[in-house]
Amino acid sequence: MKHLHFIILFISLAVNAQDFDKIKDSVKNKYEYIGYNPKYAMAEARTKKGKYTLLNSKGKELFPPKYDHIYITPTGWLQTTIKIAKSYKRGYINKDGSQRIPIIYDDVYLFDDNTIRATLNSKIGILDTLGNTVIPLKYDEITHAAPNYYFIKSKGLYALYHHNTAVTNFIYKEVSGFTFDNVPVIMQDNTATVIDTSGRILFTPIRGHKIIRLFKEYGIIKNNKSEKYGIIDLKGIIKLPCKYTYIELAGNNFIVTIGKYSGVANLSDKLIIPIEFDNILERNNGLFLVLKNNKWGVINSEGIEVLNIKYKKTSIYKDKYILATNESDKTGIFDLTGNTVLPFTYKFYSLVHNTAICSDGLHCYWLYFQNSKPSFISLFEDADSFKDYGIFDYEQNGYHIFKKGGKYGLVYLLRKNITVAAIYDDISPIYATSEYIMKYDGKYGIINAHNEIIEPLIYDEIILKKESIVLKSKGNKDKVKELNYNGLSED
């Protein structure tokens, strides 16, 4: 029953989002900005007079525009701003526009544990979701350290609080957030140690150092003078001396860097992989992708070379196979011990959910993974070639551009069907959306992956920018659209 309720809710949200997109053009003349949030089926809307309101999924105002700003938070709270004299005040409202948290604060921020950090006249405190004071607004700074744990700063020093109760005195100069119920701190005398949620000091504070990051059993420690890094355990024992310019946890080992080169060391400071690589990336199953002299290979956690360091690219597929691309842009597939599963016969263009498209230079093919194993190859007769996005760097939501008879179309890998016929002179993907720029007979337009026309073929040029797209037509004003992950929305 719970699953059924979720499905009904999901369908409802999807329909509302679709309905909102359909009516957006009918209300856009009233508003200079509309930002729809499909998760909560509401939109932030700003009128041409600069006042904000909320719209429901049908485009109806939930209350008259009266606020200077409204922001729908990721958890659905409605943060609101009003201008009073020359200053701005902030709080939270309900869907009907009534105040939930009084709009009297200079700043408000909702934490994940549903407590609110509020600032008024440069003093900070904590409120609950009813607006009641948990910690008085009289402190210089409050750091949210963990659910219901805070570091409170007063007169240059921090104290640890749990809810509204002080756990420690104001004795810390530097603090951060808890990791595995522990947090590194700098004491009043500039020594470094770690405390737990009860305020207990785990080991005698160390002078001349700073613990910059904690893991479950260890931490990265920095020598303040040399600015080099090492590893310390939670008993205060130095496991790796502070001699590295960079350290990163990698399973039970550490990726260590000296200068420009990296290697892998264990807790005994023994090098498993020598410090001679330009880059090292940890992967599961004790494997490391290593780069040397612009060539990639694979080494395991025992320091054994699994794949020779001679490839343009290497990656791990579903924790079961190694994919490597050679200088001819052909991709081979290997098991995790380096044995060949598929030789370097094909150039891969896209791999999405066990389905790949590839070419041997003469013909195009489908490659299927059954039980995560490459097991079947068939001819893709509808394509002469595929558009090269860069191997695996660009999986356009399972869609890929292909070419047939000098024309371009779009294929959906997951269902092995063509969604846009090969009729266009060119098709280019719009990054992070399911929409594409198409060209036909010298004119440009925009379609989506379902072959629906978003912008007709009437433009002389379409320019894709970082966060927007500009549609140009001679004799007409440029049309600018803002990029978003759901497609394009008019700015």
Protein backbone atom coordinates (compact mmCIF):
# COMPACT_ATOMS: atom_id res chain seq x y z
CA MET A 1 0.00 0.00 0.00
CA LYS A 2 2.86 2.38 0.79
CA HIS A 3 4.31 1.74 -2.66
CA LEU A 4 0.90 2.48 -4.24
CA HIS A 5 0.64 5.76 -2.34
CA PHE A 6 4.13 6.72 -3.55
CA ILE A 7 3.25 5.90 -7.17
CA ILE A 8 0.03 7.94 -6.96
CA LEU A 9 1.93 10.86 -5.44
CA PHE A 10 4.65 10.65 -8.11
CA ILE A 11 2.08 10.59 -10.93
CA SER A 12 0.24 13.53 -9.34
CA LEU A 13 3.42 15.60 -9.16
CA ALA A 14 4.34 14.70 -12.73
CA VAL A 15 0.88 15.75 -14.01
CA ASN A 16 1.01 18.99 -12.05
CA ALA A 17 4.43 19.80 -13.48
CA GLN A 18 3.19 19.10 -16.98
CA ASP A 19 0.07 21.23 -16.45
CA PHE A 20 2.19 24.06 -15.09
CA ASP A 21 4.46 24.00 -18.14
CA LYS A 22 1.40 24.26 -20.38
CA ILE A 23 -0.04 27.30 -18.60
CA LYS A 24 3.27 29.06 -18.00
CA ASP A 25 3.05 31.02 -21.24
CA SER A 26 -0.43 32.27 -20.28
CA VAL A 27 0.79 33.87 -17.04
CA LYS A 28 4.28 34.96 -18.02
CA ASN A 29 3.10 38.42 -19.09
CA LYS A 30 2.10 39.13 -15.49
CA TYR A 31 5.40 37.98 -13.98
CA GLU A 32 8.99 38.77 -14.87
CA TYR A 33 10.21 35.61 -13.15
CA ILE A 34 8.62 32.22 -12.44
CA GLY A 35 10.56 29.43 -10.74
CA TYR A 36 8.59 26.19 -10.50
CA ASN A 37 9.39 23.55 -7.87
CA PRO A 38 7.81 20.25 -9.01
CA LYS A 39 8.59 18.53 -5.70
CA TYR A 40 6.24 20.84 -3.83
CA ALA A 41 4.00 21.76 -6.81
CA MET A 42 4.58 25.48 -6.21
CA ALA A 43 6.31 28.31 -8.00
CA GLU A 44 8.07 31.43 -6.82
CA ALA A 45 6.71 34.28 -8.93
CA ARG A 46 7.90 37.89 -9.15
CA THR A 47 5.63 40.53 -10.65
CA LYS A 48 6.85 43.33 -12.86
CA LYS A 49 6.59 45.58 -9.79
CA GLY A 50 9.16 43.39 -8.03
CA LYS A 51 6.80 41.73 -5.53
CA TYR A 52 6.72 37.99 -4.89
CA THR A 53 3.90 35.53 -4.43
CA LEU A 54 3.45 31.76 -4.75
CA LEU A 55 1.63 30.01 -7.58
CA ASN A 56 0.10 26.56 -7.35
CA SER A 57 0.55 24.01 -10.14
CA LYS A 58 -2.39 25.56 -12.02
CA GLY A 59 -0.79 29.00 -12.01
CA LYS A 60 -3.17 30.43 -9.41
CA GLU A 61 -1.81 32.88 -6.84
CA LEU A 62 -1.92 31.50 -3.30
CA PHE A 63 -1.92 35.04 -1.90
CA PRO A 64 -1.49 38.58 -3.28
CA PRO A 65 2.08 39.57 -4.25
CA LYS A 66 3.51 41.43 -1.26
CA TYR A 67 6.97 40.11 -0.40
CA ASP A 68 10.31 41.30 -1.71
CA HIS A 69 11.60 37.75 -2.09
CA ILE A 70 10.42 34.17 -1.57
CA TYR A 71 12.61 31.09 -1.67
CA ILE A 72 11.27 27.52 -1.55
CA THR A 73 13.90 25.63 0.45
CA PRO A 74 14.87 22.02 -0.39
CA THR A 75 12.69 20.88 2.54
CA GLY A 76 9.68 22.90 1.41
CA TRP A 77 9.94 25.77 3.87
CA LEU A 78 9.12 29.20 2.47
CA GLN A 79 11.84 31.69 3.34
CA THR A 80 10.65 35.24 2.88
CA THR A 81 12.16 38.71 2.74
CA ILE A 82 10.58 42.14 3.17
CA LYS A 83 12.21 45.55 2.94
CA ILE A 84 11.73 47.86 5.91
CA ALA A 85 13.22 51.32 5.44
CA LYS A 86 16.71 50.62 4.05
CA SER A 87 17.15 47.12 5.53
CA TYR A 88 15.78 43.69 4.71
CA LYS A 89 14.09 41.40 7.23
CA ARG A 90 13.65 37.65 6.86
CA GLY A 91 11.48 34.89 8.23
CA TYR A 92 9.24 32.02 7.06
CA ILE A 93 5.65 31.96 5.83
CA ASN A 94 2.90 29.39 5.25
CA LYS A 95 1.42 28.61 1.83
CA ASP A 96 -1.39 31.10 2.39
CA GLY A 97 1.12 33.90 2.94
CA SER A 98 0.69 34.09 6.71
CA GLN A 99 3.80 34.32 8.85
CA ARG A 100 5.18 31.10 10.30
CA ILE A 101 8.38 32.57 11.75
CA PRO A 102 8.13 36.35 12.26
CA ILE A 103 9.76 38.34 9.46
CA ILE A 104 11.89 40.40 11.82
CA TYR A 105 15.35 38.85 11.50
CA ASP A 106 18.37 40.06 9.57
CA ASP A 107 19.05 36.48 8.51
CA VAL A 108 17.52 33.03 9.01
CA TYR A 109 18.79 29.57 8.08
CA LEU A 110 16.98 26.25 8.53
CA PHE A 111 19.21 23.35 9.62
CA ASP A 112 18.54 19.71 8.73
CA ASP A 113 17.33 19.00 12.28
CA ASN A 114 14.57 21.62 11.85
CA THR A 115 16.15 24.23 14.06
CA ILE A 116 16.66 27.74 12.78
CA ARG A 117 19.71 29.93 13.14
CA ALA A 118 18.47 33.51 13.41
CA THR A 119 20.44 36.76 13.36
CA LEU A 120 19.24 40.09 14.71
CA ASN A 121 21.40 43.18 15.19
CA SER A 122 24.57 41.11 14.58
CA LYS A 123 23.71 38.65 17.37
CA ILE A 124 22.87 35.02 16.67
CA GLY A 125 20.66 32.42 18.35
CA ILE A 126 18.60 29.29 17.66
CA LEU A 127 14.81 29.04 17.20
CA ASP A 128 12.53 26.01 16.96
CA THR A 129 9.99 25.58 14.15
CA LEU A 130 7.35 27.46 16.15
CA GLY A 131 9.60 30.48 16.50
CA ASN A 132 10.38 29.82 20.15
CA THR A 133 13.89 30.70 21.37
CA VAL A 134 16.10 27.66 21.99
CA ILE A 135 19.38 29.55 22.37
CA PRO A 136 19.12 33.32 23.00
CA LEU A 137 20.13 35.70 20.23
CA LYS A 138 23.18 37.08 22.00
CA TYR A 139 26.15 35.24 20.50
CA ASP A 140 28.74 36.20 17.88
CA GLU A 141 28.60 32.99 15.88
CA ILE A 142 26.87 29.59 15.92
CA THR A 143 28.20 26.55 14.06
CA HIS A 144 25.85 23.62 13.53
CA ALA A 145 28.09 20.71 14.55
CA ALA A 146 25.58 17.81 14.40
CA PRO A 147 21.81 17.37 14.90
CA ASN A 148 20.99 19.44 18.01
CA TYR A 149 24.68 20.15 18.68
CA TYR A 150 26.13 23.62 18.25
CA PHE A 151 29.38 25.44 18.80
CA ILE A 152 28.53 28.83 20.28
CA LYS A 153 31.06 31.66 19.97
CA SER A 154 31.38 34.49 22.45
CA LYS A 155 34.30 36.86 22.99
CA GLY A 156 36.49 34.93 20.55
CA LEU A 157 35.99 31.43 22.04
CA TYR A 158 33.61 28.55 21.39
CA ALA A 159 31.62 26.31 23.72
CA LEU A 160 29.77 23.10 22.81
CA TYR A 161 26.00 23.09 23.36
CA HIS A 162 23.48 20.25 23.15
CA HIS A 163 20.02 21.72 22.51
CA ASN A 164 20.09 24.70 24.87
CA THR A 165 22.47 23.20 27.43
CA ALA A 166 26.20 23.95 27.61
CA VAL A 167 28.33 20.79 27.38
CA THR A 168 31.65 22.63 27.78
CA ASN A 169 32.89 26.06 28.74
CA PHE A 170 34.10 28.60 26.18
CA ILE A 171 37.54 27.02 25.70
CA TYR A 172 38.02 26.44 21.94
CA LYS A 173 39.61 28.81 19.42
CA GLU A 174 38.71 26.78 16.32
CA VAL A 175 35.99 24.18 15.74
CA SER A 176 34.18 22.39 12.90
CA GLY A 177 31.45 19.74 12.61
CA PHE A 178 31.23 16.25 14.10
CA THR A 179 32.33 13.20 12.10
CA PHE A 180 31.52 9.80 13.63
CA ASP A 181 30.64 11.67 16.87
CA ASN A 182 34.10 13.26 17.06
CA VAL A 183 35.37 16.70 16.11
CA PRO A 184 38.86 18.26 15.89
CA VAL A 185 39.35 21.43 17.94
CA ILE A 186 42.03 24.02 18.66
CA MET A 187 42.31 24.84 22.36
CA GLN A 188 42.92 28.27 23.89
CA ASP A 189 46.67 27.63 23.98
CA ASN A 190 46.69 26.78 20.22
CA THR A 191 47.12 23.03 20.80
CA ALA A 192 45.15 20.51 18.74
CA THR A 193 43.06 17.55 19.88
CA VAL A 194 39.75 15.75 19.28
CA ILE A 195 36.64 15.76 21.47
CA ASP A 196 33.46 13.66 21.40
CA THR A 197 29.84 14.77 21.83
CA SER A 198 30.21 14.73 25.62
CA GLY A 199 33.12 17.17 25.37
CA ARG A 200 35.64 14.50 26.42
CA ILE A 201 39.19 15.10 25.14
CA LEU A 202 40.37 11.94 23.36
CA PHE A 203 44.12 12.55 23.68
CA THR A 204 46.59 15.03 25.09
CA PRO A 205 46.55 18.17 22.92
CA ILE A 206 49.45 18.49 20.46
CA ARG A 207 51.33 21.74 19.97
CA GLY A 208 52.30 23.10 16.55
CA HIS A 209 49.74 21.04 14.64
CA LYS A 210 46.16 21.13 13.42
CA ILE A 211 43.82 18.21 12.71
CA ILE A 212 42.01 19.20 9.56
CA ARG A 213 39.82 16.17 8.82
CA LEU A 214 38.56 13.09 10.66
CA PHE A 215 37.70 9.61 9.45
CA LYS A 216 36.25 6.84 11.60
CA GLU A 217 39.53 5.79 13.22
CA TYR A 218 42.06 8.34 11.96
CA GLY A 219 42.53 11.96 11.10
CA ILE A 220 44.67 14.06 8.77
CA ILE A 221 47.07 16.19 10.80
CA LYS A 222 48.98 19.21 9.54
CA ASN A 223 52.31 20.53 10.79
CA ASN A 224 51.77 24.27 11.05
CA LYS A 225 55.41 25.14 10.35
CA SER A 226 56.18 22.84 7.42
CA GLU A 227 52.57 22.83 6.15
CA LYS A 228 52.96 19.11 5.45
CA TYR A 229 50.37 16.44 6.26
CA GLY A 230 50.33 13.12 8.08
CA ILE A 231 47.91 10.68 9.73
CA ILE A 232 47.03 10.50 13.44
CA ASP A 233 44.80 7.97 15.20
CA LEU A 234 42.21 8.84 17.85
CA LYS A 235 44.65 7.95 20.63
CA GLY A 236 46.97 10.72 19.48
CA ILE A 237 49.56 8.39 17.87
CA ILE A 238 51.12 9.65 14.62
CA LYS A 239 50.77 6.82 12.07
CA LEU A 240 52.16 8.67 9.04
CA PRO A 241 54.60 11.53 9.67
CA CYS A 242 53.80 15.02 8.44
CA LYS A 243 55.89 14.88 5.28
CA TYR A 244 53.27 14.84 2.52
CA THR A 245 51.83 17.77 0.59
CA TYR A 246 48.47 15.98 0.29
CA ILE A 247 46.80 12.91 1.81
CA GLU A 248 43.54 11.18 0.89
CA LEU A 249 41.94 8.12 2.51
CA ALA A 250 41.76 5.13 0.15
CA GLY A 251 40.15 2.12 1.86
CA ASN A 252 42.63 0.90 4.46
CA ASN A 253 45.42 2.86 2.78
CA PHE A 254 46.16 6.45 1.83
CA ILE A 255 46.87 8.25 -1.42
CA VAL A 256 49.89 10.42 -0.60
CA THR A 257 51.44 13.24 -2.60
CA ILE A 258 54.85 14.87 -2.50
CA GLY A 259 55.15 17.80 -4.86
CA LYS A 260 53.54 16.90 -8.19
CA TYR A 261 53.58 13.13 -7.79
CA SER A 262 51.36 10.67 -5.92
CA GLY A 263 51.55 7.14 -4.58
CA VAL A 264 49.75 4.91 -2.07
CA ALA A 265 50.99 4.21 1.47
CA ASN A 266 49.70 1.92 4.22
CA LEU A 267 49.43 2.71 7.95
CA SER A 268 53.03 1.63 8.46
CA ASP A 269 54.09 4.36 6.03
CA LYS A 270 55.17 1.69 3.55
CA LEU A 271 54.63 2.61 -0.09
CA ILE A 272 52.37 0.14 -1.87
CA ILE A 273 52.43 2.24 -5.03
CA PRO A 274 55.53 4.42 -5.50
CA ILE A 275 55.21 8.21 -5.52
CA GLU A 276 55.74 8.65 -9.24
CA PHE A 277 52.27 9.11 -10.73
CA ASP A 278 50.63 12.29 -11.98
CA ASN A 279 47.24 11.23 -10.64
CA ILE A 280 45.74 8.33 -8.70
CA LEU A 281 42.01 7.61 -8.39
CA GLU A 282 40.73 5.04 -5.92
CA ARG A 283 38.03 2.62 -7.06
CA ASN A 284 36.27 -0.28 -5.36
CA ASN A 285 37.71 -3.80 -5.09
CA GLY A 286 41.12 -2.44 -4.11
CA LEU A 287 41.86 -0.95 -7.52
CA PHE A 288 43.50 2.34 -8.43
CA LEU A 289 43.37 4.14 -11.77
CA VAL A 290 46.84 5.64 -12.23
CA LEU A 291 48.11 8.30 -14.62
CA LYS A 292 51.74 8.65 -15.69
CA ASN A 293 53.09 10.64 -18.62
CA ASN A 294 49.52 11.17 -19.84
CA LYS A 295 48.82 7.42 -19.93
CA TRP A 296 46.37 5.54 -17.73
CA GLY A 297 46.59 2.08 -16.22
CA VAL A 298 45.30 0.08 -13.24
CA ILE A 299 47.18 -1.07 -10.12
CA ASN A 300 45.67 -3.06 -7.23
CA SER A 301 46.08 -2.53 -3.48
CA GLU A 302 49.00 -4.99 -3.41
CA GLY A 303 50.93 -2.81 -5.84
CA ILE A 304 50.48 -5.23 -8.74
CA GLU A 305 49.93 -3.75 -12.19
CA VAL A 306 46.59 -5.10 -13.39
CA LEU A 307 46.51 -3.13 -16.64
CA ASN A 308 49.55 -1.66 -18.34
CA ILE A 309 49.98 2.11 -18.03
CA LYS A 310 49.57 2.87 -21.73
CA TYR A 311 45.94 3.82 -22.36
CA LYS A 312 44.19 7.11 -23.15
CA LYS A 313 41.44 6.36 -20.63
CA THR A 314 40.51 3.73 -18.10
CA SER A 315 37.37 3.27 -16.02
CA ILE A 316 35.59 0.65 -13.94
CA TYR A 317 32.16 -0.56 -15.05
CA LYS A 318 29.72 -1.71 -12.34
CA ASP A 319 32.62 -2.86 -10.14
CA LYS A 320 33.06 -5.88 -12.43
CA TYR A 321 34.99 -4.78 -15.49
CA ILE A 322 37.80 -2.48 -16.52
CA LEU A 323 37.25 -0.45 -19.67
CA ALA A 324 40.33 0.90 -21.44
CA THR A 325 40.61 3.08 -24.54
CA ASN A 326 43.72 2.85 -26.70
CA GLU A 327 45.39 5.42 -28.98
CA SER A 328 43.09 4.41 -31.84
CA ASP A 329 40.06 5.27 -29.67
CA LYS A 330 39.04 1.62 -29.54
CA THR A 331 37.80 0.30 -26.20
CA GLY A 332 38.66 -3.06 -24.70
CA ILE A 333 36.99 -4.74 -21.73
CA PHE A 334 38.89 -6.65 -19.03
CA ASP A 335 37.96 -8.41 -15.82
CA LEU A 336 39.27 -7.04 -12.52
CA THR A 337 42.40 -9.16 -12.74
CA GLY A 338 43.30 -7.87 -16.22
CA ASN A 339 42.09 -10.78 -18.35
CA THR A 340 40.63 -9.77 -21.73
CA VAL A 341 36.85 -10.04 -22.04
CA LEU A 342 36.40 -7.99 -25.23
CA PRO A 343 39.37 -7.05 -27.47
CA PHE A 344 40.03 -3.57 -28.89
CA THR A 345 37.67 -3.94 -31.86
CA TYR A 346 35.10 -1.20 -31.35
CA LYS A 347 34.96 2.50 -30.61
CA PHE A 348 32.40 3.10 -27.84
CA TYR A 349 30.17 6.17 -27.99
CA SER A 350 27.80 5.66 -25.08
CA LEU A 351 27.19 3.10 -22.35
CA VAL A 352 23.97 3.42 -20.36
CA HIS A 353 22.42 0.78 -18.09
CA ASN A 354 23.94 -2.32 -19.73
CA THR A 355 23.49 -1.07 -23.30
CA ALA A 356 26.27 0.41 -25.42
CA ILE A 357 26.55 1.71 -28.97
CA CYS A 358 29.84 1.25 -30.80
CA SER A 359 31.46 1.08 -34.22
CA ASP A 360 34.29 -0.80 -35.88
CA GLY A 361 34.72 1.99 -38.45
CA LEU A 362 32.64 0.20 -41.06
CA HIS A 363 29.40 -0.60 -39.26
CA CYS A 364 27.55 0.45 -36.12
CA TYR A 365 26.60 -2.02 -33.39
CA TRP A 366 24.63 -2.56 -30.22
CA LEU A 367 26.52 -4.13 -27.32
CA TYR A 368 24.51 -5.67 -24.47
CA PHE A 369 25.61 -6.59 -20.98
CA GLN A 370 23.70 -9.54 -19.53
CA ASN A 371 24.27 -10.07 -15.80
CA SER A 372 26.74 -7.16 -16.16
CA LYS A 373 28.79 -9.18 -18.67
CA PRO A 374 29.29 -8.13 -22.32
CA SER A 375 27.59 -11.02 -24.05
CA PHE A 376 25.84 -9.98 -27.25
CA ILE A 377 26.63 -7.73 -30.22
CA SER A 378 24.18 -6.94 -33.01
CA LEU A 379 24.29 -4.72 -36.08
CA PHE A 380 22.73 -1.25 -35.80
CA GLU A 381 21.50 -0.98 -39.39
CA ASP A 382 19.78 2.40 -38.97
CA ALA A 383 23.05 4.27 -38.34
CA ASP A 384 26.13 4.97 -40.43
CA SER A 385 27.93 6.63 -37.52
CA PHE A 386 27.41 8.17 -34.09
CA LYS A 387 28.16 11.68 -32.86
CA ASP A 388 31.23 11.67 -30.66
CA TYR A 389 30.51 13.22 -27.23
CA GLY A 390 33.67 11.80 -25.66
CA ILE A 391 33.54 8.27 -24.31
CA PHE A 392 31.24 7.91 -21.29
CA ASP A 393 31.70 11.59 -20.53
CA TYR A 394 28.33 12.47 -21.94
CA GLU A 395 25.39 10.13 -21.46
CA GLN A 396 22.50 12.30 -22.63
CA ASN A 397 19.82 10.65 -20.46
CA GLY A 398 20.18 7.43 -22.45
CA TYR A 399 19.81 9.19 -25.80
CA HIS A 400 22.47 9.55 -28.47
CA ILE A 401 22.77 11.33 -31.80
CA PHE A 402 23.39 9.16 -34.86
CA LYS A 403 23.94 9.83 -38.56
CA LYS A 404 22.31 8.06 -41.49
CA GLY A 405 22.62 9.08 -45.14
CA GLY A 406 24.22 12.39 -44.20
CA LYS A 407 21.35 13.34 -41.84
CA TYR A 408 21.12 13.27 -38.06
CA GLY A 409 18.61 11.67 -35.69
CA LEU A 410 18.30 10.49 -32.09
CA VAL A 411 18.23 6.98 -30.65
CA TYR A 412 17.13 5.86 -27.17
CA LEU A 413 19.56 3.22 -25.96
CA LEU A 414 17.42 1.70 -23.22
CA ARG A 415 14.61 0.72 -25.58
CA LYS A 416 16.68 0.46 -28.75
CA ASN A 417 14.31 2.75 -30.63
CA ILE A 418 14.75 5.86 -32.75
CA THR A 419 12.89 8.81 -31.22
CA VAL A 420 13.95 11.43 -33.78
CA ALA A 421 14.27 10.33 -37.39
CA ALA A 422 17.47 11.13 -39.29
CA ILE A 423 16.15 14.15 -41.19
CA TYR A 424 18.19 17.07 -39.80
CA ASP A 425 21.37 18.61 -41.17
CA ASP A 426 22.76 18.67 -37.63
CA ILE A 427 21.72 17.97 -34.04
CA SER A 428 23.66 19.13 -30.98
CA PRO A 429 22.93 18.26 -27.34
CA ILE A 430 22.10 20.96 -24.79
CA TYR A 431 24.14 20.04 -21.75
CA ALA A 432 22.29 18.63 -18.70
CA THR A 433 18.88 18.73 -20.39
CA SER A 434 16.87 16.34 -22.55
CA GLU A 435 16.70 18.93 -25.32
CA TYR A 436 18.66 19.42 -28.53
CA ILE A 437 19.48 22.13 -31.06
CA MET A 438 18.54 20.99 -34.55
CA LYS A 439 19.49 22.53 -37.89
CA TYR A 440 17.54 22.17 -41.11
CA ASP A 441 17.92 24.07 -44.38
CA GLY A 442 19.99 26.80 -42.70
CA LYS A 443 17.54 27.41 -39.83
CA TYR A 444 17.77 26.38 -36.18
CA GLY A 445 15.27 25.27 -33.56
CA ILE A 446 15.01 23.14 -30.43
CA ILE A 447 13.43 19.73 -29.92
CA ASN A 448 13.31 17.40 -26.94
CA ALA A 449 14.20 13.72 -26.82
CA HIS A 450 10.58 12.78 -27.57
CA ASN A 451 10.65 14.73 -30.85
CA GLU A 452 8.44 17.52 -29.50
CA ILE A 453 9.13 20.98 -30.92
CA ILE A 454 10.29 23.35 -28.17
CA GLU A 455 11.37 26.16 -30.50
CA PRO A 456 10.47 26.08 -34.22
CA LEU A 457 13.00 26.08 -37.05
CA ILE A 458 12.95 29.85 -37.54
CA TYR A 459 16.22 31.06 -36.00
CA ASP A 460 19.36 32.11 -37.86
CA GLU A 461 21.61 31.17 -34.96
CA ILE A 462 21.37 29.57 -31.53
CA ILE A 463 24.20 30.26 -29.09
CA LEU A 464 24.64 27.96 -26.12
CA LYS A 465 26.15 29.71 -23.09
CA LYS A 466 27.06 28.42 -19.65
CA GLU A 467 23.66 28.95 -18.02
CA SER A 468 21.47 30.18 -20.84
CA ILE A 469 20.78 29.90 -24.54
CA VAL A 470 20.36 32.78 -27.00
CA LEU A 471 18.09 32.42 -30.03
CA LYS A 472 18.89 34.91 -32.80
CA SER A 473 16.68 35.89 -35.72
CA LYS A 474 17.48 38.73 -38.13
CA GLY A 475 15.29 41.76 -37.55
CA ASN A 476 14.01 40.48 -34.21
CA LYS A 477 15.10 40.90 -30.62
CA ASP A 478 17.26 38.08 -29.27
CA LYS A 479 15.33 35.53 -27.23
CA VAL A 480 17.11 34.34 -24.09
CA LYS A 481 16.22 31.15 -22.23
CA GLU A 482 17.65 29.97 -18.95
CA LEU A 483 19.08 26.46 -18.80
CA ASN A 484 17.73 24.06 -16.19
CA TYR A 485 17.86 20.32 -15.60
CA ASN A 486 14.24 19.82 -16.63
CA GLY A 487 14.77 21.48 -20.00
CA LEU A 488 14.54 25.17 -20.82
CA SER A 489 12.50 27.84 -19.07
CA GLU A 490 12.01 31.31 -20.43
CA ASP A 491 13.82 34.03 -18.51
